[in-house]
mmCIF file of all heavy atoms, coordinates in Angstrom:
data_MODEL
# 
_entry.id   MODEL 
# 
loop_
_atom_site.group_PDB 
_atom_site.id 
_atom_site.type_symbol 
_atom_site.label_atom_id 
_atom_site.label_alt_id 
_atom_site.label_comp_id 
_atom_site.label_asym_id 
_atom_site.label_entity_id 
_atom_site.label_seq_id 
_atom_site.pdbx_PDB_ins_code 
_atom_site.Cartn_x 
_atom_site.Cartn_y 
_atom_site.Cartn_z 
_atom_site.occupancy 
_atom_site.B_iso_or_equiv 
_atom_site.pdbx_formal_charge 
_atom_site.auth_seq_id 
_atom_site.auth_comp_id 
_atom_site.auth_asym_id 
_atom_site.auth_atom_id 
_atom_site.pdbx_PDB_model_num 
ATOM 1   N N   . GLU A 1 1  ? -25.898 -103.357 -77.496  1.00 0.00 ? 1  GLU A N   1 
ATOM 2   C CA  . GLU A 1 1  ? -24.939 -103.194 -78.367  1.00 0.00 ? 1  GLU A CA  1 
ATOM 3   C C   . GLU A 1 1  ? -24.739 -104.330 -79.345  1.00 0.00 ? 1  GLU A C   1 
ATOM 4   O O   . GLU A 1 1  ? -24.540 -104.034 -80.538  1.00 0.00 ? 1  GLU A O   1 
ATOM 5   C CB  . GLU A 1 1  ? -23.584 -102.990 -77.559  1.00 0.00 ? 1  GLU A CB  1 
ATOM 6   C CG  . GLU A 1 1  ? -23.503 -101.728 -76.816  1.00 0.00 ? 1  GLU A CG  1 
ATOM 7   C CD  . GLU A 1 1  ? -22.166 -101.634 -76.050  1.00 0.00 ? 1  GLU A CD  1 
ATOM 8   O OE1 . GLU A 1 1  ? -21.498 -102.694 -75.868  1.00 0.00 ? 1  GLU A OE1 1 
ATOM 9   O OE2 . GLU A 1 1  ? -21.929 -100.585 -75.441  1.00 0.00 ? 1  GLU A OE2 1 
ATOM 10  N N   . ARG A 1 2  ? -25.097 -105.561 -78.767  1.00 0.00 ? 2  ARG A N   1 
ATOM 11  C CA  . ARG A 1 2  ? -25.085 -106.680 -79.759  1.00 0.00 ? 2  ARG A CA  1 
ATOM 12  C C   . ARG A 1 2  ? -26.204 -106.597 -80.783  1.00 0.00 ? 2  ARG A C   1 
ATOM 13  O O   . ARG A 1 2  ? -25.970 -106.840 -82.006  1.00 0.00 ? 2  ARG A O   1 
ATOM 14  C CB  . ARG A 1 2  ? -25.275 -108.042 -78.941  1.00 0.00 ? 2  ARG A CB  1 
ATOM 15  C CG  . ARG A 1 2  ? -24.049 -108.389 -78.043  1.00 0.00 ? 2  ARG A CG  1 
ATOM 16  C CD  . ARG A 1 2  ? -24.069 -109.830 -77.710  1.00 0.00 ? 2  ARG A CD  1 
ATOM 17  N NE  . ARG A 1 2  ? -25.290 -110.316 -77.211  1.00 0.00 ? 2  ARG A NE  1 
ATOM 18  C CZ  . ARG A 1 2  ? -25.727 -110.397 -75.981  1.00 0.00 ? 2  ARG A CZ  1 
ATOM 19  N NH1 . ARG A 1 2  ? -24.845 -109.896 -75.065  1.00 0.00 ? 2  ARG A NH1 1 
ATOM 20  N NH2 . ARG A 1 2  ? -26.744 -110.874 -75.657  1.00 0.00 ? 2  ARG A NH2 1 
ATOM 21  N N   . SER A 1 3  ? -27.387 -106.176 -80.354  1.00 0.00 ? 3  SER A N   1 
ATOM 22  C CA  . SER A 1 3  ? -28.458 -106.015 -81.179  1.00 0.00 ? 3  SER A CA  1 
ATOM 23  C C   . SER A 1 3  ? -28.186 -104.911 -82.338  1.00 0.00 ? 3  SER A C   1 
ATOM 24  O O   . SER A 1 3  ? -28.452 -105.077 -83.559  1.00 0.00 ? 3  SER A O   1 
ATOM 25  C CB  . SER A 1 3  ? -29.769 -105.619 -80.480  1.00 0.00 ? 3  SER A CB  1 
ATOM 26  O OG  . SER A 1 3  ? -30.007 -106.731 -79.496  1.00 0.00 ? 3  SER A OG  1 
ATOM 27  N N   . MET A 1 4  ? -27.615 -103.862 -81.864  1.00 0.00 ? 4  MET A N   1 
ATOM 28  C CA  . MET A 1 4  ? -27.359 -102.698 -82.733  1.00 0.00 ? 4  MET A CA  1 
ATOM 29  C C   . MET A 1 4  ? -26.277 -103.197 -83.860  1.00 0.00 ? 4  MET A C   1 
ATOM 30  O O   . MET A 1 4  ? -26.499 -102.871 -84.977  1.00 0.00 ? 4  MET A O   1 
ATOM 31  C CB  . MET A 1 4  ? -26.826 -101.491 -82.066  1.00 0.00 ? 4  MET A CB  1 
ATOM 32  C CG  . MET A 1 4  ? -27.837 -100.731 -81.292  1.00 0.00 ? 4  MET A CG  1 
ATOM 33  S SD  . MET A 1 4  ? -29.098 -99.964  -82.406  1.00 0.00 ? 4  MET A SD  1 
ATOM 34  C CE  . MET A 1 4  ? -28.006 -98.994  -83.487  1.00 0.00 ? 4  MET A CE  1 
ATOM 35  N N   . ALA A 1 5  ? -25.247 -103.897 -83.420  1.00 0.00 ? 5  ALA A N   1 
ATOM 36  C CA  . ALA A 1 5  ? -24.225 -104.382 -84.357  1.00 0.00 ? 5  ALA A CA  1 
ATOM 37  C C   . ALA A 1 5  ? -24.849 -105.385 -85.416  1.00 0.00 ? 5  ALA A C   1 
ATOM 38  O O   . ALA A 1 5  ? -24.491 -105.145 -86.613  1.00 0.00 ? 5  ALA A O   1 
ATOM 39  C CB  . ALA A 1 5  ? -23.177 -105.114 -83.536  1.00 0.00 ? 5  ALA A CB  1 
ATOM 40  N N   . ARG A 1 6  ? -25.733 -106.064 -85.007  1.00 0.00 ? 6  ARG A N   1 
ATOM 41  C CA  . ARG A 1 6  ? -26.354 -107.050 -86.041  1.00 0.00 ? 6  ARG A CA  1 
ATOM 42  C C   . ARG A 1 6  ? -27.359 -106.344 -86.944  1.00 0.00 ? 6  ARG A C   1 
ATOM 43  O O   . ARG A 1 6  ? -27.239 -106.587 -88.119  1.00 0.00 ? 6  ARG A O   1 
ATOM 44  C CB  . ARG A 1 6  ? -27.154 -108.115 -85.196  1.00 0.00 ? 6  ARG A CB  1 
ATOM 45  C CG  . ARG A 1 6  ? -26.281 -109.105 -84.494  1.00 0.00 ? 6  ARG A CG  1 
ATOM 46  C CD  . ARG A 1 6  ? -27.161 -110.119 -83.814  1.00 0.00 ? 6  ARG A CD  1 
ATOM 47  N NE  . ARG A 1 6  ? -28.142 -110.812 -84.741  1.00 0.00 ? 6  ARG A NE  1 
ATOM 48  C CZ  . ARG A 1 6  ? -29.405 -111.221 -84.298  1.00 0.00 ? 6  ARG A CZ  1 
ATOM 49  N NH1 . ARG A 1 6  ? -29.665 -110.923 -83.070  1.00 0.00 ? 6  ARG A NH1 1 
ATOM 50  N NH2 . ARG A 1 6  ? -30.150 -111.770 -85.110  1.00 0.00 ? 6  ARG A NH2 1 
ATOM 51  N N   . ALA A 1 7  ? -28.069 -105.414 -86.288  1.00 0.00 ? 7  ALA A N   1 
ATOM 52  C CA  . ALA A 1 7  ? -29.003 -104.489 -87.188  1.00 0.00 ? 7  ALA A CA  1 
ATOM 53  C C   . ALA A 1 7  ? -28.239 -103.740 -88.245  1.00 0.00 ? 7  ALA A C   1 
ATOM 54  O O   . ALA A 1 7  ? -28.655 -103.692 -89.360  1.00 0.00 ? 7  ALA A O   1 
ATOM 55  C CB  . ALA A 1 7  ? -29.855 -103.744 -86.327  1.00 0.00 ? 7  ALA A CB  1 
ATOM 56  N N   . MET A 1 8  ? -27.086 -103.123 -87.752  1.00 0.00 ? 8  MET A N   1 
ATOM 57  C CA  . MET A 1 8  ? -26.280 -102.335 -88.713  1.00 0.00 ? 8  MET A CA  1 
ATOM 58  C C   . MET A 1 8  ? -25.630 -103.179 -89.726  1.00 0.00 ? 8  MET A C   1 
ATOM 59  O O   . MET A 1 8  ? -25.534 -102.663 -90.920  1.00 0.00 ? 8  MET A O   1 
ATOM 60  C CB  . MET A 1 8  ? -25.312 -101.461 -87.952  1.00 0.00 ? 8  MET A CB  1 
ATOM 61  C CG  . MET A 1 8  ? -25.874 -100.507 -87.013  1.00 0.00 ? 8  MET A CG  1 
ATOM 62  S SD  . MET A 1 8  ? -27.195 -99.414  -87.775  1.00 0.00 ? 8  MET A SD  1 
ATOM 63  C CE  . MET A 1 8  ? -26.288 -98.677  -89.101  1.00 0.00 ? 8  MET A CE  1 
ATOM 64  N N   . GLU A 1 9  ? -25.219 -104.347 -89.440  1.00 0.00 ? 9  GLU A N   1 
ATOM 65  C CA  . GLU A 1 9  ? -24.631 -105.244 -90.440  1.00 0.00 ? 9  GLU A CA  1 
ATOM 66  C C   . GLU A 1 9  ? -25.654 -105.644 -91.501  1.00 0.00 ? 9  GLU A C   1 
ATOM 67  O O   . GLU A 1 9  ? -25.271 -105.423 -92.686  1.00 0.00 ? 9  GLU A O   1 
ATOM 68  C CB  . GLU A 1 9  ? -24.097 -106.507 -89.677  1.00 0.00 ? 9  GLU A CB  1 
ATOM 69  C CG  . GLU A 1 9  ? -23.473 -107.457 -90.738  1.00 0.00 ? 9  GLU A CG  1 
ATOM 70  C CD  . GLU A 1 9  ? -22.860 -108.728 -89.907  1.00 0.00 ? 9  GLU A CD  1 
ATOM 71  O OE1 . GLU A 1 9  ? -23.086 -108.882 -88.800  1.00 0.00 ? 9  GLU A OE1 1 
ATOM 72  O OE2 . GLU A 1 9  ? -22.236 -109.546 -90.577  1.00 0.00 ? 9  GLU A OE2 1 
ATOM 73  N N   . LYS A 1 10 ? -26.819 -105.953 -91.124  1.00 0.00 ? 10 LYS A N   1 
ATOM 74  C CA  . LYS A 1 10 ? -27.817 -106.361 -92.153  1.00 0.00 ? 10 LYS A CA  1 
ATOM 75  C C   . LYS A 1 10 ? -28.215 -105.130 -92.881  1.00 0.00 ? 10 LYS A C   1 
ATOM 76  O O   . LYS A 1 10 ? -28.453 -105.084 -94.100  1.00 0.00 ? 10 LYS A O   1 
ATOM 77  C CB  . LYS A 1 10 ? -29.097 -106.919 -91.297  1.00 0.00 ? 10 LYS A CB  1 
ATOM 78  C CG  . LYS A 1 10 ? -28.793 -108.287 -90.752  1.00 0.00 ? 10 LYS A CG  1 
ATOM 79  C CD  . LYS A 1 10 ? -30.171 -108.804 -90.003  1.00 0.00 ? 10 LYS A CD  1 
ATOM 80  C CE  . LYS A 1 10 ? -31.260 -108.894 -90.918  1.00 0.00 ? 10 LYS A CE  1 
ATOM 81  N NZ  . LYS A 1 10 ? -32.561 -109.520 -90.167  1.00 0.00 ? 10 LYS A NZ  1 
ATOM 82  N N   . PHE A 1 11 ? -28.386 -104.036 -92.156  1.00 0.00 ? 11 PHE A N   1 
ATOM 83  C CA  . PHE A 1 11 ? -28.727 -102.718 -92.773  1.00 0.00 ? 11 PHE A CA  1 
ATOM 84  C C   . PHE A 1 11 ? -27.719 -102.289 -93.946  1.00 0.00 ? 11 PHE A C   1 
ATOM 85  O O   . PHE A 1 11 ? -27.990 -102.018 -95.077  1.00 0.00 ? 11 PHE A O   1 
ATOM 86  C CB  . PHE A 1 11 ? -28.749 -101.569 -91.750  1.00 0.00 ? 11 PHE A CB  1 
ATOM 87  C CG  . PHE A 1 11 ? -29.041 -100.232 -92.178  1.00 0.00 ? 11 PHE A CG  1 
ATOM 88  C CD1 . PHE A 1 11 ? -30.223 -99.923  -92.782  1.00 0.00 ? 11 PHE A CD1 1 
ATOM 89  C CD2 . PHE A 1 11 ? -28.119 -99.227  -92.095  1.00 0.00 ? 11 PHE A CD2 1 
ATOM 90  C CE1 . PHE A 1 11 ? -30.541 -98.581  -93.238  1.00 0.00 ? 11 PHE A CE1 1 
ATOM 91  C CE2 . PHE A 1 11 ? -28.330 -97.933  -92.617  1.00 0.00 ? 11 PHE A CE2 1 
ATOM 92  C CZ  . PHE A 1 11 ? -29.543 -97.642  -93.182  1.00 0.00 ? 11 PHE A CZ  1 
ATOM 93  N N   . ASN A 1 12 ? -26.391 -102.394 -93.562  1.00 0.00 ? 12 ASN A N   1 
ATOM 94  C CA  . ASN A 1 12 ? -25.310 -102.000 -94.473  1.00 0.00 ? 12 ASN A CA  1 
ATOM 95  C C   . ASN A 1 12 ? -25.262 -103.032 -95.708  1.00 0.00 ? 12 ASN A C   1 
ATOM 96  O O   . ASN A 1 12 ? -24.810 -102.696 -96.761  1.00 0.00 ? 12 ASN A O   1 
ATOM 97  C CB  . ASN A 1 12 ? -24.093 -101.787 -93.848  1.00 0.00 ? 12 ASN A CB  1 
ATOM 98  C CG  . ASN A 1 12 ? -23.923 -100.446 -92.949  1.00 0.00 ? 12 ASN A CG  1 
ATOM 99  O OD1 . ASN A 1 12 ? -24.556 -99.519  -93.352  1.00 0.00 ? 12 ASN A OD1 1 
ATOM 100 N ND2 . ASN A 1 12 ? -23.195 -100.514 -91.961  1.00 0.00 ? 12 ASN A ND2 1 
ATOM 101 N N   . ASP A 1 13 ? -25.467 -104.305 -95.397  1.00 0.00 ? 13 ASP A N   1 
ATOM 102 C CA  . ASP A 1 13 ? -25.431 -105.273 -96.473  1.00 0.00 ? 13 ASP A CA  1 
ATOM 103 C C   . ASP A 1 13 ? -26.482 -104.935 -97.623  1.00 0.00 ? 13 ASP A C   1 
ATOM 104 O O   . ASP A 1 13 ? -26.232 -105.000 -98.779  1.00 0.00 ? 13 ASP A O   1 
ATOM 105 C CB  . ASP A 1 13 ? -25.737 -106.619 -95.885  1.00 0.00 ? 13 ASP A CB  1 
ATOM 106 C CG  . ASP A 1 13 ? -24.540 -107.237 -95.208  1.00 0.00 ? 13 ASP A CG  1 
ATOM 107 O OD1 . ASP A 1 13 ? -23.513 -106.796 -95.227  1.00 0.00 ? 13 ASP A OD1 1 
ATOM 108 O OD2 . ASP A 1 13 ? -24.766 -108.334 -94.433  1.00 0.00 ? 13 ASP A OD2 1 
ATOM 109 N N   . MET A 1 14 ? -27.746 -104.540 -97.082  1.00 0.00 ? 14 MET A N   1 
ATOM 110 C CA  . MET A 1 14 ? -28.761 -104.090 -98.021  1.00 0.00 ? 14 MET A CA  1 
ATOM 111 C C   . MET A 1 14 ? -28.297 -102.930 -98.812  1.00 0.00 ? 14 MET A C   1 
ATOM 112 O O   . MET A 1 14 ? -28.413 -102.810 -100.019 1.00 0.00 ? 14 MET A O   1 
ATOM 113 C CB  . MET A 1 14 ? -30.047 -103.925 -97.265  1.00 0.00 ? 14 MET A CB  1 
ATOM 114 C CG  . MET A 1 14 ? -31.214 -103.450 -98.140  1.00 0.00 ? 14 MET A CG  1 
ATOM 115 S SD  . MET A 1 14 ? -32.845 -103.183 -97.252  1.00 0.00 ? 14 MET A SD  1 
ATOM 116 C CE  . MET A 1 14 ? -33.854 -102.774 -98.530  1.00 0.00 ? 14 MET A CE  1 
ATOM 117 N N   . ARG A 1 15 ? -27.720 -101.875 -98.098  1.00 0.00 ? 15 ARG A N   1 
ATOM 118 C CA  . ARG A 1 15 ? -27.383 -100.768 -98.748  1.00 0.00 ? 15 ARG A CA  1 
ATOM 119 C C   . ARG A 1 15 ? -26.254 -100.949 -99.721  1.00 0.00 ? 15 ARG A C   1 
ATOM 120 O O   . ARG A 1 15 ? -26.212 -100.316 -100.805 1.00 0.00 ? 15 ARG A O   1 
ATOM 121 C CB  . ARG A 1 15 ? -26.918 -99.740  -97.584  1.00 0.00 ? 15 ARG A CB  1 
ATOM 122 C CG  . ARG A 1 15 ? -28.095 -99.189  -96.811  1.00 0.00 ? 15 ARG A CG  1 
ATOM 123 C CD  . ARG A 1 15 ? -27.836 -97.902  -96.146  1.00 0.00 ? 15 ARG A CD  1 
ATOM 124 N NE  . ARG A 1 15 ? -26.563 -97.955  -95.336  1.00 0.00 ? 15 ARG A NE  1 
ATOM 125 C CZ  . ARG A 1 15 ? -25.758 -96.928  -95.131  1.00 0.00 ? 15 ARG A CZ  1 
ATOM 126 N NH1 . ARG A 1 15 ? -26.146 -95.713  -95.456  1.00 0.00 ? 15 ARG A NH1 1 
ATOM 127 N NH2 . ARG A 1 15 ? -24.752 -97.044  -94.301  1.00 0.00 ? 15 ARG A NH2 1 
ATOM 128 N N   . THR A 1 16 ? -25.335 -101.845 -99.453  1.00 0.00 ? 16 THR A N   1 
ATOM 129 C CA  . THR A 1 16 ? -24.247 -102.255 -100.384 1.00 0.00 ? 16 THR A CA  1 
ATOM 130 C C   . THR A 1 16 ? -24.753 -102.845 -101.591 1.00 0.00 ? 16 THR A C   1 
ATOM 131 O O   . THR A 1 16 ? -24.346 -102.535 -102.652 1.00 0.00 ? 16 THR A O   1 
ATOM 132 C CB  . THR A 1 16 ? -23.210 -103.108 -99.559  1.00 0.00 ? 16 THR A CB  1 
ATOM 133 O OG1 . THR A 1 16 ? -22.639 -102.362 -98.435  1.00 0.00 ? 16 THR A OG1 1 
ATOM 134 C CG2 . THR A 1 16 ? -21.978 -103.421 -100.530 1.00 0.00 ? 16 THR A CG2 1 
ATOM 135 N N   . ARG A 1 17 ? -25.690 -103.713 -101.489 1.00 0.00 ? 17 ARG A N   1 
ATOM 136 C CA  . ARG A 1 17 ? -26.292 -104.449 -102.588 1.00 0.00 ? 17 ARG A CA  1 
ATOM 137 C C   . ARG A 1 17 ? -26.968 -103.402 -103.523 1.00 0.00 ? 17 ARG A C   1 
ATOM 138 O O   . ARG A 1 17 ? -26.790 -103.455 -104.767 1.00 0.00 ? 17 ARG A O   1 
ATOM 139 C CB  . ARG A 1 17 ? -27.382 -105.497 -102.198 1.00 0.00 ? 17 ARG A CB  1 
ATOM 140 C CG  . ARG A 1 17 ? -26.667 -106.731 -101.558 1.00 0.00 ? 17 ARG A CG  1 
ATOM 141 C CD  . ARG A 1 17 ? -27.648 -107.810 -101.519 1.00 0.00 ? 17 ARG A CD  1 
ATOM 142 N NE  . ARG A 1 17 ? -28.793 -107.490 -100.739 1.00 0.00 ? 17 ARG A NE  1 
ATOM 143 C CZ  . ARG A 1 17 ? -28.954 -107.671 -99.431  1.00 0.00 ? 17 ARG A CZ  1 
ATOM 144 N NH1 . ARG A 1 17 ? -27.906 -108.159 -98.773  1.00 0.00 ? 17 ARG A NH1 1 
ATOM 145 N NH2 . ARG A 1 17 ? -30.132 -107.426 -98.778  1.00 0.00 ? 17 ARG A NH2 1 
ATOM 146 N N   . GLU A 1 18 ? -27.678 -102.519 -102.951 1.00 0.00 ? 18 GLU A N   1 
ATOM 147 C CA  . GLU A 1 18 ? -28.284 -101.398 -103.734 1.00 0.00 ? 18 GLU A CA  1 
ATOM 148 C C   . GLU A 1 18 ? -27.221 -100.570 -104.410 1.00 0.00 ? 18 GLU A C   1 
ATOM 149 O O   . GLU A 1 18 ? -27.383 -100.036 -105.505 1.00 0.00 ? 18 GLU A O   1 
ATOM 150 C CB  . GLU A 1 18 ? -29.282 -100.621 -102.910 1.00 0.00 ? 18 GLU A CB  1 
ATOM 151 C CG  . GLU A 1 18 ? -30.486 -101.336 -102.491 1.00 0.00 ? 18 GLU A CG  1 
ATOM 152 C CD  . GLU A 1 18 ? -31.638 -100.476 -101.862 1.00 0.00 ? 18 GLU A CD  1 
ATOM 153 O OE1 . GLU A 1 18 ? -31.440 -99.227  -101.879 1.00 0.00 ? 18 GLU A OE1 1 
ATOM 154 O OE2 . GLU A 1 18 ? -32.621 -101.067 -101.351 1.00 0.00 ? 18 GLU A OE2 1 
ATOM 155 N N   . GLY A 1 19 ? -26.166 -100.297 -103.716 1.00 0.00 ? 19 GLY A N   1 
ATOM 156 C CA  . GLY A 1 19 ? -25.038 -99.487  -104.149 1.00 0.00 ? 19 GLY A CA  1 
ATOM 157 C C   . GLY A 1 19 ? -24.393 -100.144 -105.312 1.00 0.00 ? 19 GLY A C   1 
ATOM 158 O O   . GLY A 1 19 ? -24.031 -99.436  -106.236 1.00 0.00 ? 19 GLY A O   1 
ATOM 159 N N   . GLU A 1 20 ? -24.281 -101.445 -105.500 1.00 0.00 ? 20 GLU A N   1 
ATOM 160 C CA  . GLU A 1 20 ? -23.737 -102.163 -106.562 1.00 0.00 ? 20 GLU A CA  1 
ATOM 161 C C   . GLU A 1 20 ? -24.569 -101.883 -107.888 1.00 0.00 ? 20 GLU A C   1 
ATOM 162 O O   . GLU A 1 20 ? -23.906 -101.698 -108.997 1.00 0.00 ? 20 GLU A O   1 
ATOM 163 C CB  . GLU A 1 20 ? -23.700 -103.654 -106.262 1.00 0.00 ? 20 GLU A CB  1 
ATOM 164 C CG  . GLU A 1 20 ? -22.573 -104.027 -105.134 1.00 0.00 ? 20 GLU A CG  1 
ATOM 165 C CD  . GLU A 1 20 ? -22.700 -105.380 -104.880 1.00 0.00 ? 20 GLU A CD  1 
ATOM 166 O OE1 . GLU A 1 20 ? -23.535 -106.133 -105.321 1.00 0.00 ? 20 GLU A OE1 1 
ATOM 167 O OE2 . GLU A 1 20 ? -21.770 -105.864 -104.131 1.00 0.00 ? 20 GLU A OE2 1 
ATOM 168 N N   . SER A 1 21 ? -25.933 -101.981 -107.628 1.00 0.00 ? 21 SER A N   1 
ATOM 169 C CA  . SER A 1 21 ? -26.742 -101.656 -108.741 1.00 0.00 ? 21 SER A CA  1 
ATOM 170 C C   . SER A 1 21 ? -26.518 -100.158 -109.245 1.00 0.00 ? 21 SER A C   1 
ATOM 171 O O   . SER A 1 21 ? -26.558 -99.869  -110.447 1.00 0.00 ? 21 SER A O   1 
ATOM 172 C CB  . SER A 1 21 ? -28.203 -101.881 -108.441 1.00 0.00 ? 21 SER A CB  1 
ATOM 173 O OG  . SER A 1 21 ? -28.474 -103.234 -108.103 1.00 0.00 ? 21 SER A OG  1 
ATOM 174 N N   . LEU A 1 22 ? -26.484 -99.237  -108.286 1.00 0.00 ? 22 LEU A N   1 
ATOM 175 C CA  . LEU A 1 22 ? -26.329 -97.987  -108.646 1.00 0.00 ? 22 LEU A CA  1 
ATOM 176 C C   . LEU A 1 22 ? -24.912 -97.655  -109.335 1.00 0.00 ? 22 LEU A C   1 
ATOM 177 O O   . LEU A 1 22 ? -24.949 -96.858  -110.278 1.00 0.00 ? 22 LEU A O   1 
ATOM 178 C CB  . LEU A 1 22 ? -26.319 -97.000  -107.359 1.00 0.00 ? 22 LEU A CB  1 
ATOM 179 C CG  . LEU A 1 22 ? -27.613 -96.735  -106.704 1.00 0.00 ? 22 LEU A CG  1 
ATOM 180 C CD1 . LEU A 1 22 ? -27.495 -96.113  -105.416 1.00 0.00 ? 22 LEU A CD1 1 
ATOM 181 C CD2 . LEU A 1 22 ? -28.558 -95.885  -107.524 1.00 0.00 ? 22 LEU A CD2 1 
ATOM 182 N N   . GLU A 1 23 ? -23.912 -98.325  -108.905 1.00 0.00 ? 23 GLU A N   1 
ATOM 183 C CA  . GLU A 1 23 ? -22.604 -98.084  -109.560 1.00 0.00 ? 23 GLU A CA  1 
ATOM 184 C C   . GLU A 1 23 ? -22.641 -98.560  -110.961 1.00 0.00 ? 23 GLU A C   1 
ATOM 185 O O   . GLU A 1 23 ? -21.963 -97.976  -111.855 1.00 0.00 ? 23 GLU A O   1 
ATOM 186 C CB  . GLU A 1 23 ? -21.589 -98.917  -108.728 1.00 0.00 ? 23 GLU A CB  1 
ATOM 187 C CG  . GLU A 1 23 ? -20.209 -98.637  -109.250 1.00 0.00 ? 23 GLU A CG  1 
ATOM 188 C CD  . GLU A 1 23 ? -19.081 -99.325  -108.261 1.00 0.00 ? 23 GLU A CD  1 
ATOM 189 O OE1 . GLU A 1 23 ? -19.463 -99.922  -107.235 1.00 0.00 ? 23 GLU A OE1 1 
ATOM 190 O OE2 . GLU A 1 23 ? -18.002 -99.084  -108.715 1.00 0.00 ? 23 GLU A OE2 1 
ATOM 191 N N   . LYS A 1 24 ? -23.277 -99.671  -111.252 1.00 0.00 ? 24 LYS A N   1 
ATOM 192 C CA  . LYS A 1 24 ? -23.428 -100.140 -112.663 1.00 0.00 ? 24 LYS A CA  1 
ATOM 193 C C   . LYS A 1 24 ? -23.961 -99.152  -113.548 1.00 0.00 ? 24 LYS A C   1 
ATOM 194 O O   . LYS A 1 24 ? -23.611 -98.907  -114.712 1.00 0.00 ? 24 LYS A O   1 
ATOM 195 C CB  . LYS A 1 24 ? -24.213 -101.457 -112.672 1.00 0.00 ? 24 LYS A CB  1 
ATOM 196 C CG  . LYS A 1 24 ? -23.374 -102.733 -112.096 1.00 0.00 ? 24 LYS A CG  1 
ATOM 197 C CD  . LYS A 1 24 ? -24.294 -103.974 -112.074 1.00 0.00 ? 24 LYS A CD  1 
ATOM 198 C CE  . LYS A 1 24 ? -23.562 -105.182 -111.513 1.00 0.00 ? 24 LYS A CE  1 
ATOM 199 N NZ  . LYS A 1 24 ? -24.463 -106.439 -111.479 1.00 0.00 ? 24 LYS A NZ  1 
ATOM 200 N N   . ASP A 1 25 ? -25.188 -98.563  -112.998 1.00 0.00 ? 25 ASP A N   1 
ATOM 201 C CA  . ASP A 1 25 ? -25.816 -97.527  -113.790 1.00 0.00 ? 25 ASP A CA  1 
ATOM 202 C C   . ASP A 1 25 ? -24.891 -96.341  -113.978 1.00 0.00 ? 25 ASP A C   1 
ATOM 203 O O   . ASP A 1 25 ? -24.791 -95.736  -115.115 1.00 0.00 ? 25 ASP A O   1 
ATOM 204 C CB  . ASP A 1 25 ? -27.167 -97.090  -113.072 1.00 0.00 ? 25 ASP A CB  1 
ATOM 205 C CG  . ASP A 1 25 ? -27.865 -96.106  -113.859 1.00 0.00 ? 25 ASP A CG  1 
ATOM 206 O OD1 . ASP A 1 25 ? -28.491 -96.482  -114.930 1.00 0.00 ? 25 ASP A OD1 1 
ATOM 207 O OD2 . ASP A 1 25 ? -28.005 -94.977  -113.497 1.00 0.00 ? 25 ASP A OD2 1 
ATOM 208 N N   . LEU A 1 26 ? -24.282 -95.916  -112.913 1.00 0.00 ? 26 LEU A N   1 
ATOM 209 C CA  . LEU A 1 26 ? -23.353 -94.777  -113.034 1.00 0.00 ? 26 LEU A CA  1 
ATOM 210 C C   . LEU A 1 26 ? -22.222 -94.892  -114.054 1.00 0.00 ? 26 LEU A C   1 
ATOM 211 O O   . LEU A 1 26 ? -21.927 -94.085  -114.874 1.00 0.00 ? 26 LEU A O   1 
ATOM 212 C CB  . LEU A 1 26 ? -22.773 -94.436  -111.645 1.00 0.00 ? 26 LEU A CB  1 
ATOM 213 C CG  . LEU A 1 26 ? -23.759 -93.900  -110.548 1.00 0.00 ? 26 LEU A CG  1 
ATOM 214 C CD1 . LEU A 1 26 ? -22.953 -93.783  -109.382 1.00 0.00 ? 26 LEU A CD1 1 
ATOM 215 C CD2 . LEU A 1 26 ? -24.419 -92.582  -110.979 1.00 0.00 ? 26 LEU A CD2 1 
# 
């Protein structure tokens, strides 16, 4: 559970950064 929480936090951080770039283009 601890490992999954850390993995998902890093995973969502990366997706959020990419989302910011997508939002600018949109």
